[in-house]
């Protein structure tokens, strides 16, 4: 093989390798952009789903408290834990589980007395992502009162 032929083959190989690197780089950039767009679309939906789940849990707790009051001559439970104590008709108490559920962020709901013009005498509060009273957006509190009257 002549030197000229070897140089031609070497040039073709390096050109082909360069195109492969460019193609891989281009595909990597396209996949990265697609992933970034997907995260931007999916993240708000996850938060909406968590909020809807928390609202459903709060309403289930409210229903359980009302059922408890019917069985106890109008007396409401003093804690949410009383709702999971076994009863004569159910091993799990007034909820479907054997423990009080947590919110979507892993925080306990707060059950507290309430004086309101609507006649409600308790509220159930979930404190959002940060687990602290107050906040905005994902850290916003969710309460039974606001679910019922907003």
Protein backbone atom coordinates (compact mmCIF):
# COMPACT_ATOMS: atom_id res chain seq x y z
CA UNK A 1 0.00 0.00 0.00
CA UNK A 2 1.31 3.39 -0.86
CA UNK A 3 1.66 6.26 1.55
CA UNK A 4 -0.86 8.25 -0.42
CA UNK A 5 -3.49 5.49 -0.13
CA UNK A 6 -2.87 5.16 3.61
CA UNK A 7 -3.29 8.90 4.12
CA UNK A 8 -6.57 8.83 2.18
CA UNK A 9 -7.94 5.95 4.28
CA UNK A 10 -6.83 7.64 7.51
CA UNK A 11 -8.53 10.88 6.44
CA UNK A 12 -11.78 9.04 5.68
CA UNK A 13 -11.72 7.29 9.06
CA UNK A 14 -11.16 10.50 11.01
CA UNK A 15 -13.90 12.27 9.01
CA UNK A 16 -16.33 9.44 9.77
CA UNK A 17 -15.36 9.51 13.46
CA UNK A 18 -15.93 13.28 13.55
CA UNK A 19 -19.41 12.92 12.10
CA UNK A 20 -20.23 10.28 14.70
CA UNK A 21 -19.14 12.56 17.53
CA UNK A 22 -21.18 15.42 16.08
CA UNK A 23 -24.22 13.15 15.70
CA UNK A 24 -23.92 11.89 19.28
CA UNK A 25 -23.53 15.46 20.55
CA UNK A 26 -26.59 16.59 18.60
CA UNK A 27 -28.71 13.71 19.91
CA UNK A 28 -27.56 14.47 23.47
CA UNK A 29 -28.60 18.11 23.13
CA UNK A 30 -32.01 17.18 21.68
CA UNK A 31 -32.67 14.64 24.43
CA UNK A 32 -31.61 17.17 27.09
CA UNK A 33 -33.99 19.79 25.70
CA UNK A 34 -36.85 17.28 25.58
CA UNK A 35 -36.19 16.28 29.19
CA UNK A 36 -36.14 19.93 30.31
CA UNK A 37 -39.48 20.56 28.61
CA UNK A 38 -40.98 17.41 30.13
CA UNK A 39 -39.94 18.47 33.64
CA UNK A 40 -41.51 21.88 33.09
CA UNK A 41 -44.79 20.27 32.05
CA UNK A 42 -44.91 17.46 34.63
CA UNK A 43 -43.85 19.35 37.79
CA UNK A 44 -46.96 21.58 38.07
CA UNK A 45 -49.20 18.57 37.48
CA UNK A 46 -47.55 16.69 40.35
CA UNK A 47 -48.29 19.62 42.67
CA UNK A 48 -51.92 19.78 41.47
CA UNK A 49 -52.29 16.04 42.09
CA UNK A 50 -50.83 16.35 45.59
CA UNK A 51 -53.20 19.22 46.40
CA UNK A 52 -56.21 17.26 45.15
CA UNK A 53 -55.13 14.25 47.22
CA UNK A 54 -54.79 16.41 50.35
CA UNK A 55 -58.24 17.91 49.77
CA UNK A 56 -59.72 14.42 49.50
CA UNK A 57 -58.02 13.29 52.72
CA UNK A 58 -59.28 16.38 54.60
CA UNK A 59 -62.84 15.74 53.42
CA UNK A 60 -62.54 12.04 54.41
CA UNK A 61 -61.36 13.08 57.88
CA UNK A 62 -64.32 15.45 58.15
CA UNK A 63 -66.72 12.64 57.21
CA UNK A 64 -65.10 10.34 59.80
CA UNK A 65 -65.42 13.03 62.50
CA UNK A 66 -69.11 13.45 61.70
CA UNK A 67 -69.68 9.67 61.83
CA UNK A 68 -67.84 9.54 65.17
CA UNK A 69 -70.09 12.31 66.53
CA UNK A 70 -73.22 10.42 65.47
CA UNK A 71 -72.05 7.30 67.31
CA UNK A 72 -71.03 9.30 70.42
CA UNK A 73 -74.19 11.41 70.93
CA UNK A 74 -72.81 14.54 69.27
CA UNK A 75 -69.43 14.50 71.00
CA UNK A 76 -66.55 15.00 68.58
CA UNK A 77 -63.18 13.27 68.99
CA UNK A 78 -60.47 15.19 70.82
CA UNK A 79 -57.75 13.90 68.47
CA UNK A 80 -57.63 12.39 64.99
CA UNK A 81 -56.14 9.22 66.50
CA UNK A 82 -59.53 8.43 68.03
CA UNK A 83 -60.85 7.92 64.49
CA UNK A 84 -58.65 4.87 63.92
CA UNK A 85 -59.51 3.07 67.16
CA UNK A 86 -61.48 -0.13 66.53
CA UNK A 87 -65.24 0.10 67.03
CA UNK A 88 -67.95 -2.52 67.50
CA UNK A 89 -68.64 -2.46 63.76
CA UNK A 90 -65.14 -1.93 62.34
CA UNK A 91 -61.61 -3.04 63.18
CA UNK A 92 -60.18 0.14 61.64
CA UNK A 93 -62.49 2.65 63.27
CA UNK A 94 -63.95 5.45 61.19
CA UNK A 95 -61.19 5.52 58.57
CA UNK A 96 -60.22 2.85 56.07
CA UNK A 97 -56.68 2.63 57.45
CA UNK A 98 -55.35 1.72 60.88
CA UNK A 99 -53.47 5.01 61.20
CA UNK A 100 -54.24 8.67 60.62
CA UNK A 101 -53.13 9.62 57.10
CA UNK A 102 -50.40 12.16 56.43
CA UNK A 103 -50.57 14.86 53.76
CA UNK A 104 -48.83 14.43 50.40
CA UNK A 105 -45.68 16.02 51.78
CA UNK A 106 -45.45 13.59 54.72
CA UNK A 107 -46.73 15.98 57.41
CA UNK A 108 -49.47 15.25 59.93
CA UNK A 109 -52.79 17.07 59.56
CA UNK A 110 -53.75 19.29 62.48
CA UNK A 111 -57.20 18.97 64.03
CA UNK A 112 -58.17 22.03 66.01
CA UNK A 113 -61.19 23.73 67.56
CA UNK A 114 -62.69 26.57 65.60
CA UNK A 115 -65.13 29.31 66.41
CA UNK A 116 -66.81 30.39 63.23
CA UNK A 117 -69.97 32.16 62.14
CA UNK A 118 -70.86 29.10 60.04
CA UNK A 119 -71.38 26.95 63.13
CA UNK A 120 -68.39 24.70 62.53
CA UNK A 121 -66.58 23.88 65.73
CA UNK A 122 -63.38 22.33 64.31
CA UNK A 123 -61.00 22.62 61.40
CA UNK A 124 -58.51 20.25 59.78
CA UNK A 125 -55.34 21.84 58.44
CA UNK A 126 -52.59 20.62 56.13
CA UNK A 127 -49.56 22.91 56.12
CA UNK A 128 -48.30 22.30 52.58
CA UNK A 129 -44.81 21.42 51.42
CA UNK A 130 -42.94 23.31 54.16
CA UNK A 131 -45.06 21.95 57.03
CA UNK A 132 -45.28 25.44 58.60
CA UNK A 133 -48.40 27.55 59.06
CA UNK A 134 -48.85 30.17 56.33
CA UNK A 135 -47.07 30.31 53.04
CA UNK A 136 -47.87 30.69 49.37
CA UNK A 137 -47.98 28.42 46.31
CA UNK A 138 -46.75 24.94 47.27
CA UNK A 139 -46.27 26.02 50.88
CA UNK A 140 -49.87 27.27 51.17
CA UNK A 141 -52.02 25.76 53.93
CA UNK A 142 -55.14 23.80 53.04
CA UNK A 143 -58.00 23.77 55.52
CA UNK A 144 -61.40 22.13 55.76
CA UNK A 145 -62.95 25.55 56.23
CA UNK A 146 -61.53 26.90 52.96
CA UNK A 147 -62.51 23.71 51.09
CA UNK A 148 -66.10 24.03 52.26
CA UNK A 149 -66.63 27.79 51.99
CA UNK A 150 -64.47 29.03 49.14
